[in-house]
Amino acid sequence: MAKSLQDTLPPFQKKMQLEDATSNGNGWKVSPISAEALNVKAIDRAWVNRQCTPQPLATLQQTIKLNGNANAIKNVTYIMATAFNDSPFSQFYDEAKAKGWKTLTLACGHDVMLDLPEKLAQVLAEVRANDCSRTRTEMRIENV
């Protein structure tokens, strides 16, 4: 079944987006999620907030149907940032665990690359080093 991002949100978050689009976005765009709401480190919040822009509501409502090819990937790792309150991503973490994917948690806000850049780089390097299912030839073909 095809789903949109809004289909995966808790009802209160979906309602907030719709109300925001109506009251602040001329009915078609939602305000950016603040760095504070995403629990970005205080030192980075002003910079993150300056980068964020309104999002067209339709991009959150457009459905996507995957063809199943992702199921052929043998080495999948899901990283969950656990200090992002009201995160809609815990459902995907649970789904990843149920599929047998490697799952990791990092105690930080949504923007892991800002909050824990060294730890994220270490995790990504370990994931890559442990990926024995791909050859150099496969990597070159995929990156063409």
C-alpha atoms as a PDB file:
ATOM      1  CA  MET A   1       0.000   0.000   0.000  1.00  0.00           C
ATOM      2  CA  ALA A   2       1.329   3.430  -0.927  1.00  0.00           C
ATOM      3  CA  LYS A   3       1.850   5.826   1.994  1.00  0.00           C
ATOM      4  CA  SER A   4       2.721   9.460   2.425  1.00  0.00           C
ATOM      5  CA  LEU A   5       4.831  10.951   5.174  1.00  0.00           C
ATOM      6  CA  GLN A   6       1.665  12.264   6.800  1.00  0.00           C
ATOM      7  CA  ASP A   7       0.245   8.735   6.839  1.00  0.00           C
ATOM      8  CA  THR A   8       3.072   7.722   9.173  1.00  0.00           C
ATOM      9  CA  LEU A   9       2.677  10.597  11.632  1.00  0.00           C
ATOM     10  CA  PRO A  10       0.833  10.460  14.926  1.00  0.00           C
ATOM     11  CA  PRO A  11      -2.560  12.183  14.563  1.00  0.00           C
ATOM     12  CA  PHE A  12      -1.547  15.193  16.669  1.00  0.00           C
ATOM     13  CA  GLN A  13       1.468  15.907  14.412  1.00  0.00           C
ATOM     14  CA  LYS A  14      -0.590  15.599  11.247  1.00  0.00           C
ATOM     15  CA  LYS A  15      -3.198  17.948  12.749  1.00  0.00           C
ATOM     16  CA  MET A  16      -0.484  20.470  13.671  1.00  0.00           C
ATOM     17  CA  GLN A  17       0.852  20.441  10.102  1.00  0.00           C
ATOM     18  CA  LEU A  18      -2.587  20.974   8.589  1.00  0.00           C
ATOM     19  CA  GLU A  19      -3.429  23.763  11.022  1.00  0.00           C
ATOM     20  CA  ASP A  20      -0.074  25.429  10.397  1.00  0.00           C
ATOM     21  CA  ALA A  21      -0.579  25.314   6.624  1.00  0.00           C
ATOM     22  CA  THR A  22      -3.999  26.914   7.043  1.00  0.00           C
ATOM     23  CA  SER A  23      -2.974  29.626   9.502  1.00  0.00           C
ATOM     24  CA  ASN A  24       0.603  30.422   8.418  1.00  0.00           C
ATOM     25  CA  GLY A  25       1.149  28.990   4.968  1.00  0.00           C
ATOM     26  CA  ASN A  26      -1.669  30.183   2.730  1.00  0.00           C
ATOM     27  CA  GLY A  27      -3.061  26.657   2.843  1.00  0.00           C
ATOM     28  CA  TRP A  28      -0.191  25.061   0.930  1.00  0.00           C
ATOM     29  CA  LYS A  29       2.987  25.168   3.042  1.00  0.00           C
ATOM     30  CA  VAL A  30       4.034  24.283   6.571  1.00  0.00           C
ATOM     31  CA  SER A  31       6.510  26.117   8.748  1.00  0.00           C
ATOM     32  CA  PRO A  32       9.890  24.479   9.285  1.00  0.00           C
ATOM     33  CA  ILE A  33      10.360  22.350  12.364  1.00  0.00           C
ATOM     34  CA  SER A  34      12.554  24.334  14.739  1.00  0.00           C
ATOM     35  CA  ALA A  35      15.953  23.139  15.847  1.00  0.00           C
ATOM     36  CA  GLU A  36      14.631  23.342  19.396  1.00  0.00           C
ATOM     37  CA  ALA A  37      11.827  20.883  18.598  1.00  0.00           C
ATOM     38  CA  LEU A  38      14.357  18.560  16.963  1.00  0.00           C
ATOM     39  CA  ASN A  39      16.543  18.860  20.078  1.00  0.00           C
ATOM     40  CA  VAL A  40      19.587  20.051  18.145  1.00  0.00           C
ATOM     41  CA  LYS A  41      22.492  21.055  20.403  1.00  0.00           C
ATOM     42  CA  ALA A  42      22.045  24.619  21.655  1.00  0.00           C
ATOM     43  CA  ILE A  43      25.250  25.800  20.011  1.00  0.00           C
ATOM     44  CA  ASP A  44      23.947  24.791  16.542  1.00  0.00           C
ATOM     45  CA  ARG A  45      20.301  25.843  16.852  1.00  0.00           C
ATOM     46  CA  ALA A  46      20.505  29.352  15.402  1.00  0.00           C
ATOM     47  CA  TRP A  47      22.428  28.071  12.366  1.00  0.00           C
ATOM     48  CA  VAL A  48      20.002  25.183  11.801  1.00  0.00           C
ATOM     49  CA  ASN A  49      16.985  27.475  12.088  1.00  0.00           C
ATOM     50  CA  ARG A  50      18.482  29.813   9.454  1.00  0.00           C
ATOM     51  CA  GLN A  51      18.806  26.862   7.036  1.00  0.00           C
ATOM     52  CA  CYS A  52      15.199  25.728   7.380  1.00  0.00           C
ATOM     53  CA  THR A  53      12.465  26.908   5.034  1.00  0.00           C
ATOM     54  CA  PRO A  54       8.724  26.252   4.727  1.00  0.00           C
ATOM     55  CA  GLN A  55       7.805  22.907   3.170  1.00  0.00           C
ATOM     56  CA  PRO A  56       5.042  22.507   0.588  1.00  0.00           C
ATOM     57  CA  LEU A  57       2.232  20.542   2.223  1.00  0.00           C
ATOM     58  CA  ALA A  58       1.820  18.406  -0.893  1.00  0.00           C
ATOM     59  CA  THR A  59       5.306  16.921  -0.411  1.00  0.00           C
ATOM     60  CA  LEU A  60       4.133  15.549   2.921  1.00  0.00           C
ATOM     61  CA  GLN A  61       0.896  14.191   1.456  1.00  0.00           C
ATOM     62  CA  GLN A  62       2.154  12.643  -1.788  1.00  0.00           C
ATOM     63  CA  THR A  63       2.167   8.862  -1.573  1.00  0.00           C
ATOM     64  CA  ILE A  64       5.044   6.670  -2.555  1.00  0.00           C
ATOM     65  CA  LYS A  65       4.959   2.989  -3.369  1.00  0.00           C
ATOM     66  CA  LEU A  66       8.245   1.131  -3.235  1.00  0.00           C
ATOM     67  CA  ASN A  67       8.803  -1.755  -5.618  1.00  0.00           C
ATOM     68  CA  GLY A  68      10.442  -4.091  -3.108  1.00  0.00           C
ATOM     69  CA  ASN A  69      13.955  -3.952  -4.555  1.00  0.00           C
ATOM     70  CA  ALA A  70      15.249  -2.641  -1.228  1.00  0.00           C
ATOM     71  CA  ASN A  71      14.543  -6.087   0.220  1.00  0.00           C
ATOM     72  CA  ALA A  72      17.510  -7.435  -1.766  1.00  0.00           C
ATOM     73  CA  ILE A  73      19.966  -5.322   0.229  1.00  0.00           C
ATOM     74  CA  LYS A  74      21.718  -7.659   2.649  1.00  0.00           C
ATOM     75  CA  ASN A  75      23.411  -5.248   5.043  1.00  0.00           C
ATOM     76  CA  VAL A  76      21.054  -2.583   6.371  1.00  0.00           C
ATOM     77  CA  THR A  77      21.638  -0.485   9.477  1.00  0.00           C
ATOM     78  CA  TYR A  78      19.028   1.808  11.041  1.00  0.00           C
ATOM     79  CA  ILE A  79      20.286   4.540  13.374  1.00  0.00           C
ATOM     80  CA  MET A  80      17.760   6.037  15.797  1.00  0.00           C
ATOM     81  CA  ALA A  81      18.365   9.395  17.486  1.00  0.00           C
ATOM     82  CA  THR A  82      16.745   8.878  20.878  1.00  0.00           C
ATOM     83  CA  ALA A  83      16.722  12.433  22.280  1.00  0.00           C
ATOM     84  CA  PHE A  84      14.273  13.800  19.681  1.00  0.00           C
ATOM     85  CA  ASN A  85      11.004  14.132  21.645  1.00  0.00           C
ATOM     86  CA  ASP A  86       7.808  13.088  19.875  1.00  0.00           C
ATOM     87  CA  SER A  87       9.874  11.502  17.134  1.00  0.00           C
ATOM     88  CA  PRO A  88       7.794   9.817  14.444  1.00  0.00           C
ATOM     89  CA  PHE A  89      10.788   7.606  13.653  1.00  0.00           C
ATOM     90  CA  SER A  90      10.492   5.074  16.485  1.00  0.00           C
ATOM     91  CA  GLN A  91       7.970   3.122  14.395  1.00  0.00           C
ATOM     92  CA  PHE A  92      10.602   2.737  11.661  1.00  0.00           C
ATOM     93  CA  TYR A  93      13.186   1.645  14.229  1.00  0.00           C
ATOM     94  CA  ASP A  94      10.766  -1.059  15.437  1.00  0.00           C
ATOM     95  CA  GLU A  95      10.084  -2.108  11.842  1.00  0.00           C
ATOM     96  CA  ALA A  96      13.823  -2.298  11.133  1.00  0.00           C
ATOM     97  CA  LYS A  97      14.345  -4.536  14.177  1.00  0.00           C
ATOM     98  CA  ALA A  98      11.444  -6.768  13.104  1.00  0.00           C
ATOM     99  CA  LYS A  99      13.054  -7.159   9.667  1.00  0.00           C
ATOM    100  CA  GLY A 100      16.301  -8.257  11.288  1.00  0.00           C
ATOM    101  CA  TRP A 101      18.241  -5.151  10.311  1.00  0.00           C
ATOM    102  CA  LYS A 102      21.098  -3.990  12.485  1.00  0.00           C
ATOM    103  CA  THR A 103      19.710  -1.232  14.706  1.00  0.00           C
ATOM    104  CA  LEU A 104      21.612   1.335  16.724  1.00  0.00           C
ATOM    105  CA  THR A 105      20.567   4.160  18.992  1.00  0.00           C
ATOM    106  CA  LEU A 106      22.439   7.398  19.584  1.00  0.00           C
ATOM    107  CA  ALA A 107      21.488   9.683  22.459  1.00  0.00           C
ATOM    108  CA  CYS A 108      21.119  12.940  20.569  1.00  0.00           C
ATOM    109  CA  GLY A 109      18.622  15.080  18.727  1.00  0.00           C
ATOM    110  CA  HIS A 110      17.389  14.578  15.166  1.00  0.00           C
ATOM    111  CA  ASP A 111      20.465  16.081  13.475  1.00  0.00           C
ATOM    112  CA  VAL A 112      22.950  13.364  14.446  1.00  0.00           C
ATOM    113  CA  MET A 113      25.589  14.742  12.082  1.00  0.00           C
ATOM    114  CA  LEU A 114      25.667  17.982  14.088  1.00  0.00           C
ATOM    115  CA  ASP A 115      25.195  16.593  17.583  1.00  0.00           C
ATOM    116  CA  LEU A 116      27.558  13.607  17.385  1.00  0.00           C
ATOM    117  CA  PRO A 117      29.634  13.957  14.193  1.00  0.00           C
ATOM    118  CA  GLU A 118      32.579  11.845  15.370  1.00  0.00           C
ATOM    119  CA  LYS A 119      30.356   9.054  16.678  1.00  0.00           C
ATOM    120  CA  LEU A 120      28.274   9.048  13.485  1.00  0.00           C
ATOM    121  CA  ALA A 121      31.418   8.885  11.344  1.00  0.00           C
ATOM    122  CA  GLN A 122      32.661   5.969  13.471  1.00  0.00           C
ATOM    123  CA  VAL A 123      29.348   4.124  13.131  1.00  0.00           C
ATOM    124  CA  LEU A 124      29.216   4.662   9.367  1.00  0.00           C
ATOM    125  CA  ALA A 125      32.816   3.505   8.971  1.00  0.00           C
ATOM    126  CA  GLU A 126      32.038   0.368  10.998  1.00  0.00           C
ATOM    127  CA  VAL A 127      28.929  -0.333   8.932  1.00  0.00           C
ATOM    128  CA  ARG A 128      30.944  -0.012   5.747  1.00  0.00           C
ATOM    129  CA  ALA A 129      33.821  -2.126   7.076  1.00  0.00           C
ATOM    130  CA  ASN A 130      31.399  -4.895   8.075  1.00  0.00           C
ATOM    131  CA  ASP A 131      29.664  -4.923   4.691  1.00  0.00           C
ATOM    132  CA  CYS A 132      31.198  -8.037   3.164  1.00  0.00           C
ATOM    133  CA  SER A 133      28.312  -8.670   0.770  1.00  0.00           C
ATOM    134  CA  ARG A 134      29.445  -6.193  -1.886  1.00  0.00           C
ATOM    135  CA  THR A 135      32.432  -6.310  -4.181  1.00  0.00           C
ATOM    136  CA  ARG A 136      34.360  -3.410  -5.684  1.00  0.00           C
ATOM    137  CA  THR A 137      32.732  -4.118  -9.061  1.00  0.00           C
ATOM    138  CA  GLU A 138      29.235  -3.864  -7.572  1.00  0.00           C
ATOM    139  CA  MET A 139      30.136  -0.567  -5.917  1.00  0.00           C
ATOM    140  CA  ARG A 140      31.443   0.945  -9.172  1.00  0.00           C
ATOM    141  CA  ILE A 141      28.315  -0.096 -11.056  1.00  0.00           C
ATOM    142  CA  GLU A 142      26.026   1.345  -8.390  1.00  0.00           C
ATOM    143  CA  ASN A 143      27.861   4.661  -8.351  1.00  0.00           C
ATOM    144  CA  VAL A 144      27.789   5.220 -12.142  1.00  0.00           C
END
